[in-house]
Amino acid sequence: MRWAYRDGRLELSWEPEGPLPDSTRVITALEEAARFGDVQAQARGNTVMEISTRVATARREEPVND
């Protein structure tokens, strides 16, 4: 339905085709992935799931020219 990314934070909402997932399971699954932290998830009504999480970006190494 909607997503936004700014300042390292991803926010999204969607309408699953089936029943809404358990927000605790969503939080646990995302926090187990090293890329996500400070995860928040909640149902909005009976049809929409909203998630907000900090996304770690890969640190790019600068090439060394000898």
PDB file of N, CA and C in Angstrom:
ATOM      1  N   MET A   1       0.813  -1.188   0.000  1.00  0.00           N
ATOM      2  CA  MET A   1       0.000   0.000   0.000  1.00  0.00           C
ATOM      3  C   MET A   1       0.861   1.258   0.000  1.00  0.00           C
ATOM      4  N   ARG A   2       1.824   1.314   0.935  1.00  0.00           N
ATOM      5  CA  ARG A   2       2.628   2.522   1.088  1.00  0.00           C
ATOM      6  C   ARG A   2       3.967   2.148   1.693  1.00  0.00           C
ATOM      7  N   TRP A   3       5.014   2.874   1.289  1.00  0.00           N
ATOM      8  CA  TRP A   3       6.313   2.722   1.920  1.00  0.00           C
ATOM      9  C   TRP A   3       7.065   4.044   1.827  1.00  0.00           C
ATOM     10  N   ALA A   4       7.986   4.234   2.760  1.00  0.00           N
ATOM     11  CA  ALA A   4       8.833   5.429   2.768  1.00  0.00           C
ATOM     12  C   ALA A   4      10.166   5.050   3.408  1.00  0.00           C
ATOM     13  N   TYR A   5      11.237   5.673   2.930  1.00  0.00           N
ATOM     14  CA  TYR A   5      12.558   5.459   3.500  1.00  0.00           C
ATOM     15  C   TYR A   5      13.222   6.812   3.649  1.00  0.00           C
ATOM     16  N   ARG A   6      13.644   7.136   4.852  1.00  0.00           N
ATOM     17  CA  ARG A   6      14.373   8.379   5.083  1.00  0.00           C
ATOM     18  C   ARG A   6      15.228   8.246   6.342  1.00  0.00           C
ATOM     19  N   ASP A   7      16.404   8.802   6.250  1.00  0.00           N
ATOM     20  CA  ASP A   7      17.338   8.823   7.387  1.00  0.00           C
ATOM     21  C   ASP A   7      17.550   7.437   8.002  1.00  0.00           C
ATOM     22  N   GLY A   8      17.669   6.405   7.152  1.00  0.00           N
ATOM     23  CA  GLY A   8      17.956   5.065   7.632  1.00  0.00           C
ATOM     24  C   GLY A   8      16.768   4.321   8.213  1.00  0.00           C
ATOM     25  N   ARG A   9      15.577   4.874   8.067  1.00  0.00           N
ATOM     26  CA  ARG A   9      14.372   4.258   8.631  1.00  0.00           C
ATOM     27  C   ARG A   9      13.392   3.903   7.519  1.00  0.00           C
ATOM     28  N   LEU A  10      12.905   2.670   7.529  1.00  0.00           N
ATOM     29  CA  LEU A  10      11.936   2.192   6.550  1.00  0.00           C
ATOM     30  C   LEU A  10      10.581   2.068   7.228  1.00  0.00           C
ATOM     31  N   GLU A  11       9.562   2.626   6.597  1.00  0.00           N
ATOM     32  CA  GLU A  11       8.193   2.495   7.082  1.00  0.00           C
ATOM     33  C   GLU A  11       7.356   1.938   5.938  1.00  0.00           C
ATOM     34  N   LEU A  12       6.569   0.916   6.242  1.00  0.00           N
ATOM     35  CA  LEU A  12       5.708   0.364   5.201  1.00  0.00           C
ATOM     36  C   LEU A  12       4.408  -0.148   5.789  1.00  0.00           C
ATOM     37  N   SER A  13       3.407  -0.214   4.927  1.00  0.00           N
ATOM     38  CA  SER A  13       2.133  -0.804   5.313  1.00  0.00           C
ATOM     39  C   SER A  13       1.610  -1.606   4.133  1.00  0.00           C
ATOM     40  N   TRP A  14       0.912  -2.689   4.451  1.00  0.00           N
ATOM     41  CA  TRP A  14       0.352  -3.511   3.384  1.00  0.00           C
ATOM     42  C   TRP A  14      -0.882  -4.238   3.878  1.00  0.00           C
ATOM     43  N   GLU A  15      -1.678  -4.719   2.927  1.00  0.00           N
ATOM     44  CA  GLU A  15      -2.857  -5.526   3.211  1.00  0.00           C
ATOM     45  C   GLU A  15      -2.561  -6.963   2.784  1.00  0.00           C
ATOM     46  N   PRO A  16      -2.275  -7.847   3.729  1.00  0.00           N
ATOM     47  CA  PRO A  16      -2.032  -9.240   3.368  1.00  0.00           C
ATOM     48  C   PRO A  16      -3.279  -9.856   2.733  1.00  0.00           C
ATOM     49  N   GLU A  17      -3.079 -10.825   1.855  1.00  0.00           N
ATOM     50  CA  GLU A  17      -4.205 -11.492   1.213  1.00  0.00           C
ATOM     51  C   GLU A  17      -4.987 -12.353   2.197  1.00  0.00           C
ATOM     52  N   GLY A  18      -4.321 -12.883   3.192  1.00  0.00           N
ATOM     53  CA  GLY A  18      -4.977 -13.708   4.207  1.00  0.00           C
ATOM     54  C   GLY A  18      -5.091 -12.942   5.507  1.00  0.00           C
ATOM     55  N   PRO A  19      -5.152 -13.662   6.603  1.00  0.00           N
ATOM     56  CA  PRO A  19      -5.219 -13.009   7.911  1.00  0.00           C
ATOM     57  C   PRO A  19      -3.937 -12.230   8.212  1.00  0.00           C
ATOM     58  N   LEU A  20      -4.060 -11.229   9.047  1.00  0.00           N
ATOM     59  CA  LEU A  20      -2.888 -10.433   9.431  1.00  0.00           C
ATOM     60  C   LEU A  20      -1.901 -11.308  10.203  1.00  0.00           C
ATOM     61  N   PRO A  21      -0.606 -11.130   9.933  1.00  0.00           N
ATOM     62  CA  PRO A  21       0.395 -11.869  10.719  1.00  0.00           C
ATOM     63  C   PRO A  21       0.454 -11.314  12.140  1.00  0.00           C
ATOM     64  N   ASP A  22       0.921 -12.131  13.050  1.00  0.00           N
ATOM     65  CA  ASP A  22       1.102 -11.701  14.432  1.00  0.00           C
ATOM     66  C   ASP A  22       2.238 -10.682  14.473  1.00  0.00           C
ATOM     67  N   SER A  23       1.987  -9.499  15.027  1.00  0.00           N
ATOM     68  CA  SER A  23       3.002  -8.438  15.022  1.00  0.00           C
ATOM     69  C   SER A  23       4.261  -8.842  15.783  1.00  0.00           C
ATOM     70  N   THR A  24       4.136  -9.634  16.837  1.00  0.00           N
ATOM     71  CA  THR A  24       5.312 -10.088  17.582  1.00  0.00           C
ATOM     72  C   THR A  24       6.191 -10.966  16.704  1.00  0.00           C
ATOM     73  N   ARG A  25       5.595 -11.823  15.904  1.00  0.00           N
ATOM     74  CA  ARG A  25       6.380 -12.677  15.000  1.00  0.00           C
ATOM     75  C   ARG A  25       7.072 -11.854  13.921  1.00  0.00           C
ATOM     76  N   VAL A  26       6.403 -10.832  13.425  1.00  0.00           N
ATOM     77  CA  VAL A  26       7.014  -9.957  12.416  1.00  0.00           C
ATOM     78  C   VAL A  26       8.231  -9.268  13.014  1.00  0.00           C
ATOM     79  N   ILE A  27       8.074  -8.725  14.208  1.00  0.00           N
ATOM     80  CA  ILE A  27       9.177  -8.028  14.884  1.00  0.00           C
ATOM     81  C   ILE A  27      10.348  -8.979  15.102  1.00  0.00           C
ATOM     82  N   THR A  28      10.071 -10.165  15.625  1.00  0.00           N
ATOM     83  CA  THR A  28      11.126 -11.149  15.898  1.00  0.00           C
ATOM     84  C   THR A  28      11.855 -11.538  14.624  1.00  0.00           C
ATOM     85  N   ALA A  29      11.107 -11.820  13.571  1.00  0.00           N
ATOM     86  CA  ALA A  29      11.731 -12.238  12.303  1.00  0.00           C
ATOM     87  C   ALA A  29      12.632 -11.152  11.742  1.00  0.00           C
ATOM     88  N   LEU A  30      12.189  -9.907  11.774  1.00  0.00           N
ATOM     89  CA  LEU A  30      13.008  -8.827  11.228  1.00  0.00           C
ATOM     90  C   LEU A  30      14.228  -8.545  12.099  1.00  0.00           C
ATOM     91  N   GLU A  31      14.061  -8.577  13.418  1.00  0.00           N
ATOM     92  CA  GLU A  31      15.198  -8.297  14.294  1.00  0.00           C
ATOM     93  C   GLU A  31      16.243  -9.408  14.256  1.00  0.00           C
ATOM     94  N   GLU A  32      15.874 -10.612  13.845  1.00  0.00           N
ATOM     95  CA  GLU A  32      16.853 -11.685  13.694  1.00  0.00           C
ATOM     96  C   GLU A  32      17.758 -11.455  12.491  1.00  0.00           C
ATOM     97  N   ALA A  33      17.293 -10.671  11.538  1.00  0.00           N
ATOM     98  CA  ALA A  33      18.115 -10.316  10.380  1.00  0.00           C
ATOM     99  C   ALA A  33      19.033  -9.173  10.809  1.00  0.00           C
ATOM    100  N   ALA A  34      20.298  -9.292  10.537  1.00  0.00           N
ATOM    101  CA  ALA A  34      21.278  -8.309  10.997  1.00  0.00           C
ATOM    102  C   ALA A  34      21.013  -6.908  10.444  1.00  0.00           C
ATOM    103  N   ARG A  35      20.311  -6.806   9.348  1.00  0.00           N
ATOM    104  CA  ARG A  35      20.116  -5.518   8.690  1.00  0.00           C
ATOM    105  C   ARG A  35      19.054  -4.651   9.360  1.00  0.00           C
ATOM    106  N   PHE A  36      18.165  -5.234  10.174  1.00  0.00           N
ATOM    107  CA  PHE A  36      17.057  -4.481  10.762  1.00  0.00           C
ATOM    108  C   PHE A  36      17.198  -4.359  12.266  1.00  0.00           C
ATOM    109  N   GLY A  37      16.776  -3.232  12.816  1.00  0.00           N
ATOM    110  CA  GLY A  37      16.795  -3.014  14.253  1.00  0.00           C
ATOM    111  C   GLY A  37      15.710  -2.029  14.638  1.00  0.00           C
ATOM    112  N   ASP A  38      15.426  -1.944  15.916  1.00  0.00           N
ATOM    113  CA  ASP A  38      14.396  -1.040  16.425  1.00  0.00           C
ATOM    114  C   ASP A  38      13.103  -1.227  15.619  1.00  0.00           C
ATOM    115  N   VAL A  39      12.648  -2.474  15.525  1.00  0.00           N
ATOM    116  CA  VAL A  39      11.468  -2.804  14.716  1.00  0.00           C
ATOM    117  C   VAL A  39      10.194  -2.564  15.521  1.00  0.00           C
ATOM    118  N   GLN A  40       9.240  -1.949  14.874  1.00  0.00           N
ATOM    119  CA  GLN A  40       7.906  -1.770  15.440  1.00  0.00           C
ATOM    120  C   GLN A  40       6.907  -2.272  14.410  1.00  0.00           C
ATOM    121  N   ALA A  41       5.891  -3.023  14.861  1.00  0.00           N
ATOM    122  CA  ALA A  41       4.859  -3.529  13.960  1.00  0.00           C
ATOM    123  C   ALA A  41       3.533  -3.515  14.687  1.00  0.00           C
ATOM    124  N   GLN A  42       2.500  -3.178  13.952  1.00  0.00           N
ATOM    125  CA  GLN A  42       1.167  -3.188  14.546  1.00  0.00           C
ATOM    126  C   GLN A  42       0.102  -3.313  13.470  1.00  0.00           C
ATOM    127  N   ALA A  43      -1.019  -3.908  13.873  1.00  0.00           N
ATOM    128  CA  ALA A  43      -2.157  -4.029  12.967  1.00  0.00           C
ATOM    129  C   ALA A  43      -2.975  -2.752  13.040  1.00  0.00           C
ATOM    130  N   ARG A  44      -3.474  -2.338  11.903  1.00  0.00           N
ATOM    131  CA  ARG A  44      -4.399  -1.205  11.819  1.00  0.00           C
ATOM    132  C   ARG A  44      -5.730  -1.775  11.349  1.00  0.00           C
ATOM    133  N   GLY A  45      -6.654  -1.873  12.264  1.00  0.00           N
ATOM    134  CA  GLY A  45      -7.926  -2.499  11.924  1.00  0.00           C
ATOM    135  C   GLY A  45      -7.725  -3.989  11.718  1.00  0.00           C
ATOM    136  N   ASN A  46      -8.519  -4.560  10.835  1.00  0.00           N
ATOM    137  CA  ASN A  46      -8.443  -6.001  10.583  1.00  0.00           C
ATOM    138  C   ASN A  46      -7.739  -6.337   9.286  1.00  0.00           C
ATOM    139  N   THR A  47      -7.230  -5.321   8.563  1.00  0.00           N
ATOM    140  CA  THR A  47      -6.710  -5.613   7.226  1.00  0.00           C
ATOM    141  C   THR A  47      -5.330  -5.059   6.912  1.00  0.00           C
ATOM    142  N   VAL A  48      -4.814  -4.142   7.719  1.00  0.00           N
ATOM    143  CA  VAL A  48      -3.556  -3.473   7.372  1.00  0.00           C
ATOM    144  C   VAL A  48      -2.497  -3.710   8.451  1.00  0.00           C
ATOM    145  N   MET A  49      -1.291  -4.069   8.018  1.00  0.00           N
ATOM    146  CA  MET A  49      -0.144  -4.223   8.910  1.00  0.00           C
ATOM    147  C   MET A  49       0.829  -3.091   8.628  1.00  0.00           C
ATOM    148  N   GLU A  50       1.305  -2.428   9.676  1.00  0.00           N
ATOM    149  CA  GLU A  50       2.295  -1.360   9.535  1.00  0.00           C
ATOM    150  C   GLU A  50       3.582  -1.771  10.234  1.00  0.00           C
ATOM    151  N   ILE A  51       4.704  -1.481   9.570  1.00  0.00           N
ATOM    152  CA  ILE A  51       6.024  -1.793  10.120  1.00  0.00           C
ATOM    153  C   ILE A  51       6.916  -0.566   9.991  1.00  0.00           C
ATOM    154  N   SER A  52       7.710  -0.344  11.016  1.00  0.00           N
ATOM    155  CA  SER A  52       8.717   0.708  10.998  1.00  0.00           C
ATOM    156  C   SER A  52       9.994   0.094  11.548  1.00  0.00           C
ATOM    157  N   THR A  53      11.118   0.298  10.840  1.00  0.00           N
ATOM    158  CA  THR A  53      12.379  -0.293  11.285  1.00  0.00           C
ATOM    159  C   THR A  53      13.575   0.535  10.828  1.00  0.00           C
ATOM    160  N   ARG A  54      14.637   0.479  11.608  1.00  0.00           N
ATOM    161  CA  ARG A  54      15.898   1.083  11.209  1.00  0.00           C
ATOM    162  C   ARG A  54      16.609   0.074  10.315  1.00  0.00           C
ATOM    163  N   VAL A  55      17.182   0.546   9.234  1.00  0.00           N
ATOM    164  CA  VAL A  55      17.868  -0.324   8.288  1.00  0.00           C
ATOM    165  C   VAL A  55      19.349   0.013   8.299  1.00  0.00           C
ATOM    166  N   ALA A  56      20.169  -0.993   8.591  1.00  0.00           N
ATOM    167  CA  ALA A  56      21.621  -0.799   8.568  1.00  0.00           C
ATOM    168  C   ALA A  56      22.079  -0.838   7.123  1.00  0.00           C
ATOM    169  N   THR A  57      22.874   0.118   6.748  1.00  0.00           N
ATOM    170  CA  THR A  57      23.407   0.137   5.393  1.00  0.00           C
ATOM    171  C   THR A  57      24.807  -0.443   5.397  1.00  0.00           C
ATOM    172  N   ALA A  58      25.151  -1.093   4.320  1.00  0.00           N
ATOM    173  CA  ALA A  58      26.486  -1.662   4.190  1.00  0.00           C
ATOM    174  C   ALA A  58      27.498  -0.531   4.089  1.00  0.00           C
ATOM    175  N   ARG A  59      28.567  -0.670   4.812  1.00  0.00           N
ATOM    176  CA  ARG A  59      29.630   0.342   4.769  1.00  0.00           C
ATOM    177  C   ARG A  59      30.508   0.061   3.567  1.00  0.00           C
ATOM    178  N   ARG A  60      30.673   1.036   2.746  1.00  0.00           N
ATOM    179  CA  ARG A  60      31.481   0.867   1.548  1.00  0.00           C
ATOM    180  C   ARG A  60      32.930   1.207   1.844  1.00  0.00           C
ATOM    181  N   GLU A  61      33.798   0.298   1.495  1.00  0.00           N
ATOM    182  CA  GLU A  61      35.225   0.507   1.682  1.00  0.00           C
ATOM    183  C   GLU A  61      35.774   1.251   0.462  1.00  0.00           C
ATOM    184  N   GLU A  62      36.604   2.217   0.718  1.00  0.00           N
ATOM    185  CA  GLU A  62      37.245   2.966  -0.362  1.00  0.00           C
ATOM    186  C   GLU A  62      38.424   2.145  -0.885  1.00  0.00           C
ATOM    187  N   PRO A  63      38.597   2.063  -2.175  1.00  0.00           N
ATOM    188  CA  PRO A  63      39.734   1.304  -2.712  1.00  0.00           C
ATOM    189  C   PRO A  63      41.057   1.959  -2.312  1.00  0.00           C
ATOM    190  N   VAL A  64      42.037   1.115  -2.080  1.00  0.00           N
ATOM    191  CA  VAL A  64      43.371   1.600  -1.718  1.00  0.00           C
ATOM    192  C   VAL A  64      44.235   1.518  -2.951  1.00  0.00           C
ATOM    193  N   ASN A  65      44.810   2.649  -3.359  1.00  0.00           N
ATOM    194  CA  ASN A  65      45.688   2.685  -4.530  1.00  0.00           C
ATOM    195  C   ASN A  65      47.126   2.825  -4.034  1.00  0.00           C
ATOM    196  N   ASP A  66      47.903   1.792  -4.212  1.00  0.00           N
ATOM    197  CA  ASP A  66      49.313   1.844  -3.793  1.00  0.00           C
ATOM    198  C   ASP A  66      50.203   2.174  -4.969  1.00  0.00           C
TER     199      ASP A  66
END
